């Protein structure tokens, strides 16, 4: 919640600064994917973010997924609320997400949760213009798996049926 308020204040401050210079910061719509309250499927939540570089937008999306929206009782986060548990870089329309050990250690066990988490990240990042695929590393290294179920050596494309 604190992080969401901080991001909103930062966006508002940037907006006020832009207005004072006679311009406004263009916004773009992205979809963040969270799980439904029953933890059965992913649900998109439409949000507006500033039109920044693709990598900066990807960082905002990752931060928003970590932050979650605990005030909305219809959705739940799939990623533990641990700052810095993931980082992202974008190159050639591929988002490279590095998962930190803290996320692995604090993630809920189970095949379904692993699937929902991975596609929460993939679907959210590929909603950004300029990102078509996502690749994962764990602690900076290509890893066979994240929690033991999905082959993380693959390049992921969105799956809206997850």
N, C-alpha and C. Protein backbone atom coordinates (compact mmCIF):
# COMPACT_ATOMS: atom_id res chain seq x y z
N UNK A 1 0.82 -1.18 0.00
CA UNK A 1 0.00 0.00 0.00
C UNK A 1 0.87 1.25 0.00
N UNK A 2 1.93 1.26 0.84
CA UNK A 2 2.81 2.41 0.91
C UNK A 2 3.48 2.66 -0.43
N UNK A 3 3.88 1.58 -1.09
CA UNK A 3 4.56 1.72 -2.37
C UNK A 3 3.60 2.26 -3.43
N UNK A 4 2.35 1.80 -3.41
CA UNK A 4 1.35 2.29 -4.35
C UNK A 4 1.15 3.78 -4.15
N UNK A 5 1.04 4.20 -2.89
CA UNK A 5 0.87 5.62 -2.60
C UNK A 5 2.09 6.39 -3.08
N UNK A 6 3.29 5.85 -2.85
CA UNK A 6 4.51 6.50 -3.31
C UNK A 6 4.52 6.66 -4.83
N UNK A 7 4.15 5.59 -5.54
CA UNK A 7 4.12 5.64 -7.01
C UNK A 7 3.10 6.67 -7.48
N UNK A 8 1.93 6.70 -6.84
CA UNK A 8 0.92 7.69 -7.21
C UNK A 8 1.39 9.11 -6.94
N UNK A 9 2.07 9.33 -5.81
CA UNK A 9 2.61 10.66 -5.50
C UNK A 9 3.67 11.04 -6.52
N UNK A 10 4.53 10.09 -6.88
CA UNK A 10 5.57 10.35 -7.87
C UNK A 10 4.96 10.71 -9.22
N UNK A 11 3.96 9.97 -9.64
CA UNK A 11 3.29 10.26 -10.91
C UNK A 11 2.61 11.62 -10.84
N UNK A 12 1.96 11.91 -9.71
CA UNK A 12 1.31 13.21 -9.55
C UNK A 12 2.33 14.35 -9.60
N UNK A 13 3.47 14.15 -8.94
CA UNK A 13 4.51 15.18 -8.94
C UNK A 13 5.04 15.41 -10.36
N UNK A 14 5.25 14.33 -11.08
CA UNK A 14 5.70 14.46 -12.46
C UNK A 14 4.65 15.17 -13.30
N UNK A 15 3.38 14.87 -13.05
CA UNK A 15 2.29 15.52 -13.78
C UNK A 15 2.22 17.00 -13.48
N UNK A 16 2.38 17.37 -12.20
CA UNK A 16 2.36 18.79 -11.83
C UNK A 16 3.53 19.51 -12.46
N UNK A 17 4.70 18.88 -12.44
CA UNK A 17 5.88 19.48 -13.08
C UNK A 17 5.64 19.69 -14.57
N UNK A 18 5.08 18.68 -15.21
CA UNK A 18 4.82 18.78 -16.65
C UNK A 18 3.80 19.87 -16.95
N UNK A 19 2.76 19.97 -16.12
CA UNK A 19 1.73 20.99 -16.34
C UNK A 19 2.34 22.38 -16.18
N UNK A 20 3.24 22.52 -15.20
CA UNK A 20 3.85 23.83 -14.99
C UNK A 20 4.71 24.24 -16.18
N UNK A 21 5.17 23.30 -16.95
CA UNK A 21 5.93 23.60 -18.16
C UNK A 21 5.04 23.59 -19.40
N UNK A 22 3.75 23.48 -19.21
CA UNK A 22 2.80 23.55 -20.33
C UNK A 22 2.62 22.24 -21.08
N UNK A 23 3.11 21.14 -20.53
CA UNK A 23 2.93 19.85 -21.19
C UNK A 23 2.41 18.85 -20.18
N UNK A 24 1.88 17.76 -20.65
CA UNK A 24 1.46 16.70 -19.75
C UNK A 24 2.20 15.43 -20.13
N UNK A 25 2.36 14.57 -19.15
CA UNK A 25 3.05 13.31 -19.40
C UNK A 25 2.06 12.35 -20.03
N UNK A 26 2.34 11.89 -21.23
CA UNK A 26 1.44 10.92 -21.86
C UNK A 26 1.39 9.64 -21.04
N UNK A 27 0.22 9.04 -21.01
CA UNK A 27 0.00 7.80 -20.29
C UNK A 27 -0.32 6.70 -21.29
N UNK A 28 -0.06 5.48 -20.89
CA UNK A 28 -0.42 4.33 -21.71
C UNK A 28 -1.06 3.29 -20.80
N UNK A 29 -1.93 2.50 -21.36
CA UNK A 29 -2.61 1.48 -20.58
C UNK A 29 -1.89 0.15 -20.69
N UNK A 30 -1.71 -0.50 -19.55
CA UNK A 30 -1.18 -1.86 -19.51
C UNK A 30 -2.12 -2.70 -18.65
N UNK A 31 -1.95 -3.99 -18.74
CA UNK A 31 -2.76 -4.90 -17.92
C UNK A 31 -1.83 -5.64 -16.95
N UNK A 32 -2.20 -5.56 -15.69
CA UNK A 32 -1.50 -6.34 -14.67
C UNK A 32 -2.34 -7.57 -14.40
N UNK A 33 -1.72 -8.71 -14.30
CA UNK A 33 -2.45 -9.95 -14.08
C UNK A 33 -2.22 -10.45 -12.65
N UNK A 34 -3.33 -10.55 -11.92
CA UNK A 34 -3.34 -11.09 -10.57
C UNK A 34 -4.25 -12.31 -10.59
N UNK A 35 -4.18 -13.12 -9.54
CA UNK A 35 -5.06 -14.27 -9.47
C UNK A 35 -6.40 -13.84 -8.87
N UNK A 36 -7.43 -14.58 -9.19
CA UNK A 36 -8.74 -14.32 -8.58
C UNK A 36 -8.69 -14.72 -7.11
N UNK A 37 -9.71 -14.34 -6.35
CA UNK A 37 -9.72 -14.60 -4.91
C UNK A 37 -9.65 -16.08 -4.57
N UNK A 38 -10.14 -16.94 -5.46
CA UNK A 38 -10.11 -18.39 -5.22
C UNK A 38 -8.80 -19.03 -5.68
N UNK A 39 -7.92 -18.24 -6.25
CA UNK A 39 -6.62 -18.68 -6.76
C UNK A 39 -6.79 -19.78 -7.80
N UNK A 40 -7.67 -19.52 -8.75
CA UNK A 40 -7.94 -20.48 -9.82
C UNK A 40 -7.46 -20.02 -11.18
N UNK A 41 -7.49 -18.71 -11.43
CA UNK A 41 -7.13 -18.19 -12.75
C UNK A 41 -6.62 -16.76 -12.61
N UNK A 42 -6.04 -16.26 -13.69
CA UNK A 42 -5.54 -14.89 -13.70
C UNK A 42 -6.61 -13.93 -14.19
N UNK A 43 -6.63 -12.76 -13.59
CA UNK A 43 -7.55 -11.70 -13.99
C UNK A 43 -6.76 -10.45 -14.35
N UNK A 44 -7.09 -9.81 -15.47
CA UNK A 44 -6.38 -8.58 -15.83
C UNK A 44 -6.95 -7.38 -15.08
N UNK A 45 -6.07 -6.49 -14.67
CA UNK A 45 -6.45 -5.21 -14.08
C UNK A 45 -5.80 -4.14 -14.93
N UNK A 46 -6.62 -3.29 -15.53
CA UNK A 46 -6.10 -2.23 -16.41
C UNK A 46 -5.62 -1.06 -15.56
N UNK A 47 -4.39 -0.61 -15.86
CA UNK A 47 -3.82 0.55 -15.17
C UNK A 47 -3.15 1.46 -16.18
N UNK A 48 -3.04 2.71 -15.83
CA UNK A 48 -2.34 3.69 -16.65
C UNK A 48 -0.95 3.90 -16.07
N UNK A 49 0.07 3.88 -16.92
CA UNK A 49 1.43 4.19 -16.50
C UNK A 49 2.00 5.22 -17.46
N UNK A 50 3.02 5.96 -17.02
CA UNK A 50 3.62 6.96 -17.91
C UNK A 50 4.27 6.31 -19.13
N UNK A 51 4.22 7.01 -20.25
CA UNK A 51 4.90 6.54 -21.46
C UNK A 51 6.38 6.84 -21.31
N UNK A 52 7.10 5.85 -20.84
CA UNK A 52 8.54 5.93 -20.66
C UNK A 52 9.18 4.94 -21.61
N UNK A 53 10.46 4.69 -21.45
CA UNK A 53 11.10 3.65 -22.25
C UNK A 53 10.45 2.31 -21.91
N UNK A 54 10.56 1.37 -22.81
CA UNK A 54 9.98 0.04 -22.58
C UNK A 54 10.54 -0.57 -21.30
N UNK A 55 11.83 -0.43 -21.06
CA UNK A 55 12.42 -1.01 -19.85
C UNK A 55 11.91 -0.32 -18.59
N UNK A 56 11.75 0.99 -18.62
CA UNK A 56 11.22 1.70 -17.46
C UNK A 56 9.77 1.28 -17.19
N UNK A 57 8.99 1.11 -18.24
CA UNK A 57 7.62 0.63 -18.06
C UNK A 57 7.63 -0.78 -17.46
N UNK A 58 8.54 -1.62 -17.93
CA UNK A 58 8.64 -3.00 -17.40
C UNK A 58 8.97 -2.97 -15.91
N UNK A 59 9.85 -2.07 -15.51
CA UNK A 59 10.19 -1.95 -14.08
C UNK A 59 8.97 -1.52 -13.27
N UNK A 60 8.18 -0.58 -13.80
CA UNK A 60 6.97 -0.15 -13.11
C UNK A 60 5.98 -1.32 -12.97
N UNK A 61 5.85 -2.12 -14.02
CA UNK A 61 4.94 -3.27 -13.99
C UNK A 61 5.41 -4.29 -12.95
N UNK A 62 6.69 -4.61 -12.93
CA UNK A 62 7.22 -5.55 -11.94
C UNK A 62 6.98 -5.03 -10.53
N UNK A 63 7.25 -3.74 -10.30
CA UNK A 63 7.01 -3.16 -8.98
C UNK A 63 5.54 -3.24 -8.60
N UNK A 64 4.65 -2.99 -9.55
CA UNK A 64 3.21 -3.05 -9.27
C UNK A 64 2.76 -4.48 -8.97
N UNK A 65 3.34 -5.47 -9.65
CA UNK A 65 2.99 -6.87 -9.36
C UNK A 65 3.45 -7.26 -7.95
N UNK A 66 4.62 -6.79 -7.56
CA UNK A 66 5.12 -7.08 -6.21
C UNK A 66 4.25 -6.39 -5.18
N UNK A 67 3.90 -5.14 -5.45
CA UNK A 67 3.07 -4.34 -4.53
C UNK A 67 1.68 -4.95 -4.37
N UNK A 68 1.11 -5.43 -5.48
CA UNK A 68 -0.23 -5.99 -5.43
C UNK A 68 -1.28 -4.92 -5.16
N UNK A 69 -2.48 -5.35 -4.91
CA UNK A 69 -3.58 -4.46 -4.57
C UNK A 69 -4.39 -5.15 -3.49
N UNK A 70 -3.87 -5.11 -2.27
CA UNK A 70 -4.50 -5.84 -1.17
C UNK A 70 -5.86 -5.27 -0.78
N UNK A 71 -6.20 -4.07 -1.24
CA UNK A 71 -7.50 -3.48 -0.94
C UNK A 71 -8.61 -4.06 -1.82
N UNK A 72 -8.24 -4.68 -2.93
CA UNK A 72 -9.22 -5.27 -3.83
C UNK A 72 -9.43 -6.73 -3.42
N UNK A 73 -10.59 -7.03 -2.88
CA UNK A 73 -10.86 -8.38 -2.37
C UNK A 73 -11.11 -9.41 -3.47
N UNK A 74 -11.23 -8.97 -4.73
CA UNK A 74 -11.49 -9.90 -5.83
C UNK A 74 -10.21 -10.49 -6.42
N UNK A 75 -9.07 -9.89 -6.09
CA UNK A 75 -7.80 -10.37 -6.64
C UNK A 75 -6.78 -10.59 -5.52
N UNK A 76 -5.77 -11.40 -5.86
CA UNK A 76 -4.67 -11.65 -4.93
C UNK A 76 -3.36 -11.60 -5.71
N UNK A 77 -2.34 -11.19 -5.01
CA UNK A 77 -1.01 -11.17 -5.63
C UNK A 77 -0.50 -12.60 -5.75
N UNK A 78 0.37 -12.84 -6.74
CA UNK A 78 1.00 -14.15 -6.89
C UNK A 78 2.46 -14.09 -6.43
N UNK A 79 2.97 -12.88 -6.28
CA UNK A 79 4.38 -12.67 -5.94
C UNK A 79 4.46 -12.20 -4.50
N UNK A 80 5.37 -12.75 -3.71
CA UNK A 80 5.52 -12.28 -2.34
C UNK A 80 5.85 -10.78 -2.31
N UNK A 81 5.34 -10.08 -1.32
CA UNK A 81 5.55 -8.64 -1.17
C UNK A 81 6.94 -8.39 -0.58
N UNK A 82 7.95 -8.60 -1.41
CA UNK A 82 9.34 -8.42 -1.00
C UNK A 82 10.01 -7.50 -2.02
N UNK A 83 10.35 -6.31 -1.58
CA UNK A 83 10.99 -5.36 -2.49
C UNK A 83 12.29 -5.93 -3.03
N UNK A 84 12.49 -5.74 -4.32
CA UNK A 84 13.73 -6.18 -4.93
C UNK A 84 13.81 -7.68 -5.18
N UNK A 85 12.67 -8.40 -5.09
CA UNK A 85 12.73 -9.85 -5.29
C UNK A 85 12.80 -10.22 -6.77
N UNK A 86 12.65 -9.22 -7.64
CA UNK A 86 12.79 -9.44 -9.08
C UNK A 86 13.36 -8.17 -9.70
N UNK A 87 14.07 -8.35 -10.79
CA UNK A 87 14.52 -7.21 -11.59
C UNK A 87 14.25 -7.55 -13.05
N UNK A 88 14.24 -6.53 -13.91
CA UNK A 88 13.92 -6.77 -15.31
C UNK A 88 14.77 -5.87 -16.20
N UNK A 89 15.18 -6.43 -17.31
CA UNK A 89 15.86 -5.71 -18.38
C UNK A 89 15.16 -6.08 -19.67
N UNK A 90 15.17 -5.18 -20.65
CA UNK A 90 14.50 -5.45 -21.93
C UNK A 90 15.51 -5.27 -23.05
N UNK A 91 15.54 -6.27 -23.94
CA UNK A 91 16.43 -6.24 -25.10
C UNK A 91 15.76 -6.98 -26.25
N UNK A 92 15.68 -6.35 -27.39
CA UNK A 92 15.13 -6.98 -28.61
C UNK A 92 13.74 -7.59 -28.37
N UNK A 93 12.87 -6.82 -27.74
CA UNK A 93 11.48 -7.20 -27.47
C UNK A 93 11.33 -8.37 -26.50
N UNK A 94 12.41 -8.71 -25.79
CA UNK A 94 12.37 -9.77 -24.78
C UNK A 94 12.64 -9.14 -23.42
N UNK A 95 11.76 -9.40 -22.46
CA UNK A 95 11.98 -8.97 -21.08
C UNK A 95 12.73 -10.09 -20.36
N UNK A 96 13.85 -9.75 -19.77
CA UNK A 96 14.66 -10.70 -19.02
C UNK A 96 14.42 -10.43 -17.53
N UNK A 97 13.74 -11.36 -16.88
CA UNK A 97 13.36 -11.21 -15.47
C UNK A 97 14.28 -12.08 -14.64
N UNK A 98 14.94 -11.46 -13.66
CA UNK A 98 15.78 -12.21 -12.74
C UNK A 98 15.03 -12.33 -11.41
N UNK A 99 14.82 -13.57 -11.00
CA UNK A 99 14.14 -13.87 -9.75
C UNK A 99 15.20 -14.05 -8.67
N UNK A 100 15.04 -13.33 -7.58
CA UNK A 100 15.99 -13.42 -6.48
C UNK A 100 15.61 -14.59 -5.56
N UNK A 101 16.59 -15.08 -4.83
CA UNK A 101 16.40 -16.21 -3.91
C UNK A 101 15.30 -15.90 -2.89
N UNK A 102 15.17 -14.64 -2.47
CA UNK A 102 14.15 -14.27 -1.47
C UNK A 102 12.74 -14.57 -1.98
N UNK A 103 12.51 -14.42 -3.28
CA UNK A 103 11.20 -14.73 -3.84
C UNK A 103 10.96 -16.24 -3.82
N UNK A 104 11.97 -16.99 -4.22
CA UNK A 104 11.85 -18.45 -4.25
C UNK A 104 11.55 -18.98 -2.84
N UNK A 105 12.27 -18.46 -1.85
CA UNK A 105 12.12 -18.95 -0.48
C UNK A 105 10.78 -18.58 0.14
N UNK A 106 10.16 -17.50 -0.32
CA UNK A 106 8.91 -17.04 0.27
C UNK A 106 7.68 -17.29 -0.60
N UNK A 107 7.86 -18.00 -1.70
CA UNK A 107 6.75 -18.27 -2.61
C UNK A 107 5.93 -19.46 -2.12
N UNK A 108 4.63 -19.41 -2.34
CA UNK A 108 3.74 -20.52 -1.97
C UNK A 108 4.08 -21.72 -2.85
N UNK A 109 4.15 -22.89 -2.23
CA UNK A 109 4.47 -24.13 -2.96
C UNK A 109 3.31 -24.57 -3.84
N UNK A 110 3.64 -25.32 -4.88
CA UNK A 110 2.63 -25.95 -5.71
C UNK A 110 2.72 -25.59 -7.16
N UNK A 111 2.39 -26.57 -7.98
CA UNK A 111 2.44 -26.42 -9.43
C UNK A 111 1.54 -25.29 -9.91
N UNK A 112 0.29 -25.25 -9.41
CA UNK A 112 -0.65 -24.23 -9.86
C UNK A 112 -0.18 -22.82 -9.52
N UNK A 113 0.36 -22.64 -8.31
CA UNK A 113 0.85 -21.31 -7.93
C UNK A 113 2.05 -20.91 -8.76
N UNK A 114 2.92 -21.86 -9.08
CA UNK A 114 4.07 -21.55 -9.92
C UNK A 114 3.60 -21.11 -11.31
N UNK A 115 2.65 -21.84 -11.86
CA UNK A 115 2.10 -21.51 -13.17
C UNK A 115 1.44 -20.13 -13.16
N UNK A 116 0.62 -19.86 -12.15
CA UNK A 116 -0.05 -18.56 -12.05
C UNK A 116 0.96 -17.42 -11.89
N UNK A 117 1.99 -17.65 -11.10
CA UNK A 117 3.01 -16.62 -10.90
C UNK A 117 3.75 -16.31 -12.18
N UNK A 118 4.22 -17.34 -12.85
CA UNK A 118 4.98 -17.13 -14.09
C UNK A 118 4.14 -16.40 -15.13
N UNK A 119 2.89 -16.83 -15.31
CA UNK A 119 2.07 -16.19 -16.33
C UNK A 119 1.51 -14.84 -15.87
N UNK A 120 1.46 -14.60 -14.58
CA UNK A 120 1.14 -13.26 -14.09
C UNK A 120 2.21 -12.29 -14.58
N UNK A 121 3.45 -12.70 -14.47
CA UNK A 121 4.59 -11.87 -14.91
C UNK A 121 4.61 -11.77 -16.43
N UNK A 122 4.53 -12.91 -17.12
CA UNK A 122 4.61 -12.93 -18.58
C UNK A 122 3.49 -12.11 -19.21
N UNK A 123 2.25 -12.38 -18.80
CA UNK A 123 1.11 -11.67 -19.39
C UNK A 123 1.18 -10.17 -19.11
N UNK A 124 1.59 -9.80 -17.92
CA UNK A 124 1.68 -8.38 -17.57
C UNK A 124 2.76 -7.68 -18.39
N UNK A 125 3.93 -8.27 -18.47
CA UNK A 125 5.02 -7.63 -19.22
C UNK A 125 4.73 -7.56 -20.71
N UNK A 126 4.10 -8.57 -21.26
CA UNK A 126 3.82 -8.54 -22.71
C UNK A 126 2.65 -7.64 -23.05
N UNK A 127 1.99 -7.07 -22.04
CA UNK A 127 0.97 -6.06 -22.33
C UNK A 127 1.60 -4.70 -22.62
N UNK A 128 2.91 -4.61 -22.42
CA UNK A 128 3.66 -3.40 -22.73
C UNK A 128 4.07 -3.44 -24.19
N UNK A 129 3.81 -2.34 -24.89
CA UNK A 129 4.22 -2.25 -26.30
C UNK A 129 5.74 -2.37 -26.37
N UNK A 130 6.21 -3.29 -27.20
CA UNK A 130 7.64 -3.49 -27.36
C UNK A 130 8.18 -4.71 -26.63
N UNK A 131 7.31 -5.45 -25.93
CA UNK A 131 7.72 -6.70 -25.28
C UNK A 131 6.82 -7.82 -25.81
N UNK A 132 7.43 -8.82 -26.41
CA UNK A 132 6.66 -9.93 -26.96
C UNK A 132 6.92 -11.25 -26.24
N UNK A 133 8.09 -11.37 -25.60
CA UNK A 133 8.48 -12.61 -24.93
C UNK A 133 9.13 -12.28 -23.59
N UNK A 134 9.19 -13.31 -22.73
CA UNK A 134 9.84 -13.15 -21.43
C UNK A 134 10.75 -14.35 -21.18
N UNK A 135 11.94 -14.06 -20.66
CA UNK A 135 12.88 -15.11 -20.25
C UNK A 135 13.20 -14.90 -18.78
N UNK A 136 13.46 -15.99 -18.08
CA UNK A 136 13.71 -15.92 -16.65
C UNK A 136 15.10 -16.44 -16.30
N UNK A 137 15.67 -15.85 -15.27
CA UNK A 137 16.86 -16.38 -14.61
C UNK A 137 16.55 -16.39 -13.12
N UNK A 138 17.27 -17.23 -12.39
CA UNK A 138 17.16 -17.26 -10.93
C UNK A 138 18.55 -16.94 -10.39
N UNK A 139 18.63 -15.87 -9.62
CA UNK A 139 19.92 -15.40 -9.09
C UNK A 139 20.93 -15.15 -10.21
N UNK A 140 20.44 -14.66 -11.36
CA UNK A 140 21.32 -14.31 -12.46
C UNK A 140 21.75 -15.47 -13.35
N UNK A 141 21.25 -16.66 -13.08
CA UNK A 141 21.65 -17.83 -13.87
C UNK A 141 20.43 -18.50 -14.48
N UNK A 142 20.61 -19.02 -15.69
CA UNK A 142 19.55 -19.81 -16.31
C UNK A 142 19.35 -21.04 -15.45
N UNK A 143 18.11 -21.29 -15.09
CA UNK A 143 17.80 -22.38 -14.16
C UNK A 143 16.78 -23.31 -14.79
N UNK A 144 16.91 -24.59 -14.50
CA UNK A 144 15.96 -25.56 -15.04
C UNK A 144 14.56 -25.27 -14.56
N UNK A 145 14.43 -24.86 -13.30
CA UNK A 145 13.09 -24.59 -12.78
C UNK A 145 13.12 -23.46 -11.77
N UNK A 146 11.93 -23.01 -11.44
CA UNK A 146 11.74 -21.94 -10.45
C UNK A 146 11.38 -22.59 -9.12
N UNK A 147 10.32 -23.37 -9.10
CA UNK A 147 9.88 -24.06 -7.89
C UNK A 147 9.80 -25.58 -8.11
N UNK A 148 10.26 -26.04 -9.27
CA UNK A 148 10.29 -27.47 -9.50
C UNK A 148 9.30 -27.98 -10.54
N UNK A 149 8.51 -27.10 -11.14
CA UNK A 149 7.46 -27.58 -12.05
C UNK A 149 7.65 -27.11 -13.49
N UNK A 150 7.86 -25.82 -13.71
CA UNK A 150 7.98 -25.30 -15.08
C UNK A 150 9.44 -25.24 -15.50
N UNK A 151 9.71 -25.54 -16.76
CA UNK A 151 11.05 -25.44 -17.31
C UNK A 151 11.34 -23.97 -17.59
N UNK A 152 12.16 -23.36 -16.78
CA UNK A 152 12.43 -21.92 -16.88
C UNK A 152 13.49 -21.59 -17.93
N UNK A 153 13.98 -22.60 -18.63
CA UNK A 153 14.96 -22.34 -19.70
C UNK A 153 14.28 -21.89 -20.98
N UNK A 154 12.96 -21.99 -21.02
CA UNK A 154 12.19 -21.63 -22.21
C UNK A 154 12.00 -20.12 -22.32
N UNK A 155 11.66 -19.68 -23.53
CA UNK A 155 11.22 -18.30 -23.73
C UNK A 155 9.70 -18.34 -23.68
N UNK A 156 9.10 -17.53 -22.82
CA UNK A 156 7.66 -17.57 -22.59
C UNK A 156 6.93 -16.53 -23.43
N UNK A 157 5.78 -16.95 -23.93
CA UNK A 157 4.85 -16.04 -24.61
C UNK A 157 3.60 -15.98 -23.73
N UNK A 158 2.76 -14.95 -23.92
CA UNK A 158 1.58 -14.86 -23.05
C UNK A 158 0.65 -16.05 -23.21
N UNK A 159 -0.02 -16.37 -22.13
CA UNK A 159 -1.04 -17.42 -22.11
C UNK A 159 -2.20 -16.88 -21.30
N UNK A 160 -3.26 -16.46 -21.98
CA UNK A 160 -4.38 -15.83 -21.30
C UNK A 160 -5.39 -16.84 -20.77
N UNK A 161 -5.07 -18.14 -20.90
CA UNK A 161 -5.96 -19.17 -20.36
C UNK A 161 -5.50 -19.61 -18.97
N UNK A 162 -4.33 -19.15 -18.54
CA UNK A 162 -3.79 -19.56 -17.23
C UNK A 162 -4.66 -19.08 -16.10
